[in-house]
Amino acid sequence: MSDEALAKQLANPVADLMSLPIVVDWDDDLPGNGTRLSLEPVIPIPLTEDLNLITRTILPAYWFDESEWGDMIQSYFFSPSDPEGAIWGAGASLLIPTSTDNSAGAGEWNLGSTGVALAEEGPWTYGALVNHFWLDPEATLLDPFVSYTTEAAWTFTVNAESAYFWREDDWFVPVQVLAAKVVRIGGQRVSLQAGVRYWLDSPSSGPDGWGARVAVVLLPPK
């Protein structure tokens, strides 16, 4: 697989590609120094010749007076292995109360439904990922995105990893601009990513103004 094709696959949330993104986010006006590190492994599991199960995990850690684990989100997408036309995935999500401090997570089990739909046209990839948790706190996570991948394996992405909490009537709406590049380190390919975001809306206790992201995506050896 070429570096360009690999970069295109990384822009697809339900691609048949194992990866381990390690993501560091920083946002202003948050407790502590506003820094979060997330491990976000993606594991595709072939179920039949036509159907894959894509597991996506988000396990965050926060830096307050000391490091604290947040709640884990585990998502399961059933997705066609060889889709024709639009690419899609649908399934369930589970919020696991792994947080070690009340300020780092809800500390309650939650069950959700999730789905993603996207299209690929030449160098463009665009779509949206939706996740709704039904129990308390009831929340909807919405991530529309558009990416452009070059022949040199650069990918430029604009997205909005938004969340709405129904009981509190609170929106969290960041607009994020990212650049990623597939590179080779010692013969092994990895994707390096960096970018900035601006918070269009958040509650008074939430992030404000500008934020930043850096990430490295580890890929399995050839």
C-alpha atoms as a PDB file:
ATOM      1  CA  MET A   1       0.000   0.000   0.000  1.00  0.00           C
ATOM      2  CA  SER A   2       1.313   3.442  -0.921  1.00  0.00           C
ATOM      3  CA  ASP A   3       1.763   6.173   1.666  1.00  0.00           C
ATOM      4  CA  GLU A   4      -1.027   8.154  -0.035  1.00  0.00           C
ATOM      5  CA  ALA A   5      -3.454   5.214   0.187  1.00  0.00           C
ATOM      6  CA  LEU A   6      -2.509   4.689   3.840  1.00  0.00           C
ATOM      7  CA  ALA A   7      -3.146   8.364   4.600  1.00  0.00           C
ATOM      8  CA  LYS A   8      -6.582   8.054   2.934  1.00  0.00           C
ATOM      9  CA  GLN A   9      -7.413   5.041   5.088  1.00  0.00           C
ATOM     10  CA  LEU A  10      -6.466   6.936   8.234  1.00  0.00           C
ATOM     11  CA  ALA A  11      -9.081   9.567   7.307  1.00  0.00           C
ATOM     12  CA  ASN A  12     -11.777   6.860   7.342  1.00  0.00           C
ATOM     13  CA  PRO A  13     -13.056   6.019  10.882  1.00  0.00           C
ATOM     14  CA  VAL A  14     -14.163   2.510   9.810  1.00  0.00           C
ATOM     15  CA  ALA A  15     -11.249   1.567   7.552  1.00  0.00           C
ATOM     16  CA  ASP A  16      -9.968  -1.999   7.715  1.00  0.00           C
ATOM     17  CA  LEU A  17      -6.750  -0.783   9.353  1.00  0.00           C
ATOM     18  CA  MET A  18      -5.320  -1.405  12.813  1.00  0.00           C
ATOM     19  CA  SER A  19      -3.789   1.681  14.437  1.00  0.00           C
ATOM     20  CA  LEU A  20      -2.898   3.220  17.785  1.00  0.00           C
ATOM     21  CA  PRO A  21      -3.326   7.008  17.884  1.00  0.00           C
ATOM     22  CA  ILE A  22      -1.659   8.681  20.869  1.00  0.00           C
ATOM     23  CA  VAL A  23      -3.239  12.132  21.144  1.00  0.00           C
ATOM     24  CA  VAL A  24      -2.260  15.101  23.332  1.00  0.00           C
ATOM     25  CA  ASP A  25      -4.797  17.953  23.603  1.00  0.00           C
ATOM     26  CA  TRP A  26      -4.417  21.288  25.308  1.00  0.00           C
ATOM     27  CA  ASP A  27      -7.236  23.761  25.958  1.00  0.00           C
ATOM     28  CA  ASP A  28      -7.330  27.075  27.756  1.00  0.00           C
ATOM     29  CA  ASP A  29      -9.504  27.747  30.810  1.00  0.00           C
ATOM     30  CA  LEU A  30      -9.639  24.159  32.095  1.00  0.00           C
ATOM     31  CA  PRO A  31      -8.684  22.767  35.539  1.00  0.00           C
ATOM     32  CA  GLY A  32      -5.001  22.117  36.050  1.00  0.00           C
ATOM     33  CA  ASN A  33      -2.955  22.931  32.963  1.00  0.00           C
ATOM     34  CA  GLY A  34      -5.718  21.910  30.530  1.00  0.00           C
ATOM     35  CA  THR A  35      -3.770  18.951  29.105  1.00  0.00           C
ATOM     36  CA  ARG A  36      -5.227  15.569  28.180  1.00  0.00           C
ATOM     37  CA  LEU A  37      -3.494  12.493  26.734  1.00  0.00           C
ATOM     38  CA  SER A  38      -5.655   9.880  25.006  1.00  0.00           C
ATOM     39  CA  LEU A  39      -4.919   6.362  23.836  1.00  0.00           C
ATOM     40  CA  GLU A  40      -7.308   5.609  20.945  1.00  0.00           C
ATOM     41  CA  PRO A  41      -6.671   2.130  19.503  1.00  0.00           C
ATOM     42  CA  VAL A  42      -8.627   0.999  16.436  1.00  0.00           C
ATOM     43  CA  ILE A  43      -8.936  -2.746  15.823  1.00  0.00           C
ATOM     44  CA  PRO A  44     -10.796  -4.214  12.821  1.00  0.00           C
ATOM     45  CA  ILE A  45     -12.140  -7.746  13.220  1.00  0.00           C
ATOM     46  CA  PRO A  46     -13.366  -9.623  10.133  1.00  0.00           C
ATOM     47  CA  LEU A  47     -16.686 -11.355  10.876  1.00  0.00           C
ATOM     48  CA  THR A  48     -17.567 -12.630   7.411  1.00  0.00           C
ATOM     49  CA  GLU A  49     -16.332 -12.041   3.871  1.00  0.00           C
ATOM     50  CA  ASP A  50     -18.663  -9.023   3.679  1.00  0.00           C
ATOM     51  CA  LEU A  51     -18.747  -7.623   7.217  1.00  0.00           C
ATOM     52  CA  ASN A  52     -16.185  -6.213   9.649  1.00  0.00           C
ATOM     53  CA  LEU A  53     -16.457  -5.260  13.288  1.00  0.00           C
ATOM     54  CA  ILE A  54     -14.434  -2.090  13.949  1.00  0.00           C
ATOM     55  CA  THR A  55     -13.628  -1.420  17.600  1.00  0.00           C
ATOM     56  CA  ARG A  56     -12.603   2.099  18.577  1.00  0.00           C
ATOM     57  CA  THR A  57     -11.467   2.968  22.116  1.00  0.00           C
ATOM     58  CA  ILE A  58     -10.824   6.330  23.783  1.00  0.00           C
ATOM     59  CA  LEU A  59      -9.020   6.198  27.132  1.00  0.00           C
ATOM     60  CA  PRO A  60      -8.073   9.688  28.377  1.00  0.00           C
ATOM     61  CA  ALA A  61      -5.742  10.835  31.128  1.00  0.00           C
ATOM     62  CA  TYR A  62      -5.792  14.391  32.534  1.00  0.00           C
ATOM     63  CA  TRP A  63      -3.187  16.500  34.298  1.00  0.00           C
ATOM     64  CA  PHE A  64      -4.624  18.282  37.336  1.00  0.00           C
ATOM     65  CA  ASP A  65      -2.617  18.519  40.567  1.00  0.00           C
ATOM     66  CA  GLU A  66      -1.647  14.968  39.594  1.00  0.00           C
ATOM     67  CA  SER A  67      -2.527  12.751  36.653  1.00  0.00           C
ATOM     68  CA  GLU A  68      -6.034  11.242  36.656  1.00  0.00           C
ATOM     69  CA  TRP A  69      -7.671   8.718  34.334  1.00  0.00           C
ATOM     70  CA  GLY A  70     -10.917   9.679  32.635  1.00  0.00           C
ATOM     71  CA  ASP A  71     -13.845   7.485  31.596  1.00  0.00           C
ATOM     72  CA  MET A  72     -13.250   5.059  28.726  1.00  0.00           C
ATOM     73  CA  ILE A  73     -15.498   5.139  25.641  1.00  0.00           C
ATOM     74  CA  GLN A  74     -15.646   1.859  23.739  1.00  0.00           C
ATOM     75  CA  SER A  75     -17.412   1.886  20.348  1.00  0.00           C
ATOM     76  CA  TYR A  76     -18.307  -1.038  18.077  1.00  0.00           C
ATOM     77  CA  PHE A  77     -19.114  -0.444  14.398  1.00  0.00           C
ATOM     78  CA  PHE A  78     -20.463  -3.103  12.047  1.00  0.00           C
ATOM     79  CA  SER A  79     -19.305  -2.043   8.585  1.00  0.00           C
ATOM     80  CA  PRO A  80     -19.216  -3.636   5.104  1.00  0.00           C
ATOM     81  CA  SER A  81     -15.737  -4.867   4.248  1.00  0.00           C
ATOM     82  CA  ASP A  82     -16.088  -3.802   0.606  1.00  0.00           C
ATOM     83  CA  PRO A  83     -18.711  -1.035   0.445  1.00  0.00           C
ATOM     84  CA  GLU A  84     -20.099   0.259  -2.817  1.00  0.00           C
ATOM     85  CA  GLY A  85     -20.713   3.998  -2.879  1.00  0.00           C
ATOM     86  CA  ALA A  86     -21.129   5.553   0.553  1.00  0.00           C
ATOM     87  CA  ILE A  87     -19.119   4.037   3.410  1.00  0.00           C
ATOM     88  CA  TRP A  88     -20.972   3.446   6.649  1.00  0.00           C
ATOM     89  CA  GLY A  89     -20.779   1.799  10.035  1.00  0.00           C
ATOM     90  CA  ALA A  90     -23.320   1.381  12.847  1.00  0.00           C
ATOM     91  CA  GLY A  91     -23.355  -0.200  16.252  1.00  0.00           C
ATOM     92  CA  ALA A  92     -23.155   0.489  19.962  1.00  0.00           C
ATOM     93  CA  SER A  93     -21.014   2.392  22.442  1.00  0.00           C
ATOM     94  CA  LEU A  94     -20.237   1.797  26.072  1.00  0.00           C
ATOM     95  CA  LEU A  95     -18.968   4.352  28.570  1.00  0.00           C
ATOM     96  CA  ILE A  96     -16.914   2.560  31.216  1.00  0.00           C
ATOM     97  CA  PRO A  97     -16.372   4.455  34.515  1.00  0.00           C
ATOM     98  CA  THR A  98     -12.598   4.227  34.686  1.00  0.00           C
ATOM     99  CA  SER A  99     -12.183   7.820  35.989  1.00  0.00           C
ATOM    100  CA  THR A 100     -10.121   8.197  39.140  1.00  0.00           C
ATOM    101  CA  ASP A 101     -11.489  11.650  40.047  1.00  0.00           C
ATOM    102  CA  ASN A 102     -14.915  13.321  39.741  1.00  0.00           C
ATOM    103  CA  SER A 103     -13.406  16.132  37.685  1.00  0.00           C
ATOM    104  CA  ALA A 104     -12.093  13.618  35.118  1.00  0.00           C
ATOM    105  CA  GLY A 105     -15.350  11.819  34.291  1.00  0.00           C
ATOM    106  CA  ALA A 106     -18.974  11.079  35.121  1.00  0.00           C
ATOM    107  CA  GLY A 107     -18.073   7.907  37.012  1.00  0.00           C
ATOM    108  CA  GLU A 108     -21.234   6.123  35.786  1.00  0.00           C
ATOM    109  CA  TRP A 109     -21.848   3.346  33.279  1.00  0.00           C
ATOM    110  CA  ASN A 110     -23.619   4.513  30.142  1.00  0.00           C
ATOM    111  CA  LEU A 111     -24.882   2.818  26.994  1.00  0.00           C
ATOM    112  CA  GLY A 112     -25.121   4.424  23.584  1.00  0.00           C
ATOM    113  CA  SER A 113     -25.719   3.901  19.888  1.00  0.00           C
ATOM    114  CA  THR A 114     -23.244   5.063  17.281  1.00  0.00           C
ATOM    115  CA  GLY A 115     -22.969   5.477  13.538  1.00  0.00           C
ATOM    116  CA  VAL A 116     -20.767   6.948  10.850  1.00  0.00           C
ATOM    117  CA  ALA A 117     -21.326   7.736   7.175  1.00  0.00           C
ATOM    118  CA  LEU A 118     -18.761   9.105   4.744  1.00  0.00           C
ATOM    119  CA  ALA A 119     -17.852   9.364   1.089  1.00  0.00           C
ATOM    120  CA  GLU A 120     -14.532   9.371  -0.746  1.00  0.00           C
ATOM    121  CA  GLU A 121     -14.183  11.378  -3.957  1.00  0.00           C
ATOM    122  CA  GLY A 122     -10.653  11.579  -5.310  1.00  0.00           C
ATOM    123  CA  PRO A 123      -8.478  13.167  -2.630  1.00  0.00           C
ATOM    124  CA  TRP A 124     -11.534  14.193  -0.556  1.00  0.00           C
ATOM    125  CA  THR A 125     -13.073  12.328   2.379  1.00  0.00           C
ATOM    126  CA  TYR A 126     -16.108  13.805   4.106  1.00  0.00           C
ATOM    127  CA  GLY A 127     -18.800  12.619   6.469  1.00  0.00           C
ATOM    128  CA  ALA A 128     -19.916  12.602  10.095  1.00  0.00           C
ATOM    129  CA  LEU A 129     -19.707  10.379  13.158  1.00  0.00           C
ATOM    130  CA  VAL A 130     -22.572  10.414  15.708  1.00  0.00           C
ATOM    131  CA  ASN A 131     -22.692   8.866  19.158  1.00  0.00           C
ATOM    132  CA  HIS A 132     -25.655   9.142  21.543  1.00  0.00           C
ATOM    133  CA  PHE A 133     -25.543   8.000  25.177  1.00  0.00           C
ATOM    134  CA  TRP A 134     -29.022   7.240  26.522  1.00  0.00           C
ATOM    135  CA  LEU A 135     -28.504   7.089  30.282  1.00  0.00           C
ATOM    136  CA  ASP A 136     -27.596   9.852  32.730  1.00  0.00           C
ATOM    137  CA  PRO A 137     -25.809  11.977  31.658  1.00  0.00           C
ATOM    138  CA  GLU A 138     -27.658  11.830  28.313  1.00  0.00           C
ATOM    139  CA  ALA A 139     -25.320  13.242  25.682  1.00  0.00           C
ATOM    140  CA  THR A 140     -24.949  13.389  21.909  1.00  0.00           C
ATOM    141  CA  LEU A 141     -21.492  13.499  20.352  1.00  0.00           C
ATOM    142  CA  LEU A 142     -21.336  14.804  16.775  1.00  0.00           C
ATOM    143  CA  ASP A 143     -18.186  14.970  14.645  1.00  0.00           C
ATOM    144  CA  PRO A 144     -18.631  16.236  11.058  1.00  0.00           C
ATOM    145  CA  PHE A 145     -15.362  16.185   9.108  1.00  0.00           C
ATOM    146  CA  VAL A 146     -13.814  16.856   5.728  1.00  0.00           C
ATOM    147  CA  SER A 147     -10.278  15.814   4.723  1.00  0.00           C
ATOM    148  CA  TYR A 148      -8.034  16.344   1.705  1.00  0.00           C
ATOM    149  CA  THR A 149      -5.121  13.948   1.062  1.00  0.00           C
ATOM    150  CA  THR A 150      -2.257  14.803  -1.291  1.00  0.00           C
ATOM    151  CA  GLU A 151      -0.058  12.469  -3.352  1.00  0.00           C
ATOM    152  CA  ALA A 152       2.757  13.188  -0.873  1.00  0.00           C
ATOM    153  CA  ALA A 153       0.620  11.633   1.918  1.00  0.00           C
ATOM    154  CA  TRP A 154      -0.291  14.905   3.612  1.00  0.00           C
ATOM    155  CA  THR A 155      -3.849  15.033   4.968  1.00  0.00           C
ATOM    156  CA  PHE A 156      -5.556  18.306   5.900  1.00  0.00           C
ATOM    157  CA  THR A 157      -8.712  17.993   8.003  1.00  0.00           C
ATOM    158  CA  VAL A 158     -11.388  20.335   9.331  1.00  0.00           C
ATOM    159  CA  ASN A 159     -13.749  18.856  11.918  1.00  0.00           C
ATOM    160  CA  ALA A 160     -15.919  19.728  14.910  1.00  0.00           C
ATOM    161  CA  GLU A 161     -15.817  17.180  17.755  1.00  0.00           C
ATOM    162  CA  SER A 162     -18.963  18.593  19.362  1.00  0.00           C
ATOM    163  CA  ALA A 163     -21.046  17.376  22.309  1.00  0.00           C
ATOM    164  CA  TYR A 164     -24.501  18.285  23.616  1.00  0.00           C
ATOM    165  CA  PHE A 165     -25.599  17.404  27.165  1.00  0.00           C
ATOM    166  CA  TRP A 166     -29.401  17.258  27.192  1.00  0.00           C
ATOM    167  CA  ARG A 167     -30.226  17.715  30.871  1.00  0.00           C
ATOM    168  CA  GLU A 168     -27.865  20.665  31.291  1.00  0.00           C
ATOM    169  CA  ASP A 169     -28.677  22.114  27.827  1.00  0.00           C
ATOM    170  CA  ASP A 170     -24.933  22.636  27.293  1.00  0.00           C
ATOM    171  CA  TRP A 171     -23.082  22.639  23.959  1.00  0.00           C
ATOM    172  CA  PHE A 172     -19.360  22.045  23.472  1.00  0.00           C
ATOM    173  CA  VAL A 173     -18.465  23.127  19.917  1.00  0.00           C
ATOM    174  CA  PRO A 174     -14.806  23.292  18.806  1.00  0.00           C
ATOM    175  CA  VAL A 175     -13.758  23.848  15.198  1.00  0.00           C
ATOM    176  CA  GLN A 176     -10.455  22.106  14.553  1.00  0.00           C
ATOM    177  CA  VAL A 177      -7.922  22.355  11.714  1.00  0.00           C
ATOM    178  CA  LEU A 178      -5.335  19.566  11.498  1.00  0.00           C
ATOM    179  CA  ALA A 179      -2.431  18.570   9.266  1.00  0.00           C
ATOM    180  CA  ALA A 180      -1.069  15.008   9.215  1.00  0.00           C
ATOM    181  CA  LYS A 181       1.794  13.345   7.337  1.00  0.00           C
ATOM    182  CA  VAL A 182       2.652   9.674   6.874  1.00  0.00           C
ATOM    183  CA  VAL A 183       6.407   9.298   7.420  1.00  0.00           C
ATOM    184  CA  ARG A 184       8.871   6.432   7.765  1.00  0.00           C
ATOM    185  CA  ILE A 185      10.928   6.041  10.927  1.00  0.00           C
ATOM    186  CA  GLY A 186      13.451   3.231  10.791  1.00  0.00           C
ATOM    187  CA  GLY A 187      11.496   1.652   7.960  1.00  0.00           C
ATOM    188  CA  GLN A 188       8.239   1.750   9.942  1.00  0.00           C
ATOM    189  CA  ARG A 189       5.417   4.022   8.813  1.00  0.00           C
ATOM    190  CA  VAL A 190       3.695   6.317  11.297  1.00  0.00           C
ATOM    191  CA  SER A 191       1.402   9.319  10.929  1.00  0.00           C
ATOM    192  CA  LEU A 192       2.326  12.585  12.664  1.00  0.00           C
ATOM    193  CA  GLN A 193      -0.415  15.137  13.281  1.00  0.00           C
ATOM    194  CA  ALA A 194      -0.706  18.666  14.662  1.00  0.00           C
ATOM    195  CA  GLY A 195      -3.315  21.395  14.617  1.00  0.00           C
ATOM    196  CA  VAL A 196      -5.315  24.048  16.416  1.00  0.00           C
ATOM    197  CA  ARG A 197      -8.955  24.524  17.367  1.00  0.00           C
ATOM    198  CA  TYR A 198     -11.202  27.341  18.493  1.00  0.00           C
ATOM    199  CA  TRP A 199     -14.179  26.894  20.815  1.00  0.00           C
ATOM    200  CA  LEU A 200     -17.300  28.441  19.290  1.00  0.00           C
ATOM    201  CA  ASP A 201     -19.460  27.454  22.262  1.00  0.00           C
ATOM    202  CA  SER A 202     -19.019  25.889  25.702  1.00  0.00           C
ATOM    203  CA  PRO A 203     -20.483  26.377  29.214  1.00  0.00           C
ATOM    204  CA  SER A 204     -18.835  28.795  31.633  1.00  0.00           C
ATOM    205  CA  SER A 205     -16.922  25.945  33.281  1.00  0.00           C
ATOM    206  CA  GLY A 206     -15.725  24.531  29.955  1.00  0.00           C
ATOM    207  CA  PRO A 207     -12.822  25.309  27.620  1.00  0.00           C
ATOM    208  CA  ASP A 208     -12.587  28.730  26.036  1.00  0.00           C
ATOM    209  CA  GLY A 209     -10.667  30.346  23.190  1.00  0.00           C
ATOM    210  CA  TRP A 210      -7.864  28.446  21.499  1.00  0.00           C
ATOM    211  CA  GLY A 211      -6.634  24.896  21.917  1.00  0.00           C
ATOM    212  CA  ALA A 212      -4.070  22.643  20.251  1.00  0.00           C
ATOM    213  CA  ARG A 213      -3.519  18.995  19.358  1.00  0.00           C
ATOM    214  CA  VAL A 214      -0.466  16.891  18.549  1.00  0.00           C
ATOM    215  CA  ALA A 215      -0.644  13.181  17.843  1.00  0.00           C
ATOM    216  CA  VAL A 216       1.293  10.215  16.577  1.00  0.00           C
ATOM    217  CA  VAL A 217      -0.509   7.263  15.014  1.00  0.00           C
ATOM    218  CA  LEU A 218       1.362   3.980  15.371  1.00  0.00           C
ATOM    219  CA  LEU A 219       0.712   1.424  12.633  1.00  0.00           C
ATOM    220  CA  PRO A 220       1.390  -2.328  12.663  1.00  0.00           C
ATOM    221  CA  PRO A 221       4.610  -3.474  11.003  1.00  0.00           C
ATOM    222  CA  LYS A 222       4.386  -4.566   7.384  1.00  0.00           C
END
